[in-house]
Amino acid sequence: MEALPDDQLVILARKGDVDAFTELARRHQEKIFRTVLWMTKNQQDADDLCQEAFLNAFKHLKNFKQRSSFATWIYRIAVNLTLNFLKRKMREKKRSVIPVEDCFQKESGSTHPISPENISLRKELRQRLNQAIDSLPDPYKMSFFLVVFQGMAHGQAAEVLGCSENTISWRMYKARKMLQSKLLPYLGGNE
């Protein structure tokens, strides 16, 4: 199963091959989880929403027309479920903050010691960056996340978010401008 491409696995899964769908889920679950975790800032909610996204995909696999890749389709399901969840949850309580870097694998660090001052400066910069990204309007934040942190091309992000590639390009431009204006004072630039 591991050697088969996603589109072949979809065909097998449509015919009732549970192992084929399990392989699709295995391939995409980590990226979907990180995306949902980044959106929800809560590990339990992310676990639940990922499980719901894959259950919905399994239930509706026969309706999947394969006009896009399975990856794009499952991203769209997960993003839509999460956006709906967040709309409901925002009325209930304020979300806790998880730093952006906690949603991604950590790279092995340098063996050179870092001064306490540099550690403090890095921590402050991360906090300000997290706050700046979190303050972006949702459409810009999601576009920025998919392109920058998930490495999607503008076209793929557009498919996931259900808009045009030009819209993603515009959102990326605006998101960068907003982040630049929020971080410029901290980085020693003029306002």
Foldseek 3Di string as FASTA:
>chain_A
DLPDDLVVLLVVLVVPDVVSLVNVCVVQVLVLLLLLCLLQVDNVVSVVLSVVLSVVCSVCSVVDPPPDGPNLVSLLSSVVSSVVVCVVCVVVDDGDHDQSPVSDDDDDDDPDDDDPVVVVVVVVVSVLLRVQLVPDPVVLSQLCCCCPVVVDQLCSSCSSNVHHSVVSVVSPVVSVVSSCVSCQVVVPHDD
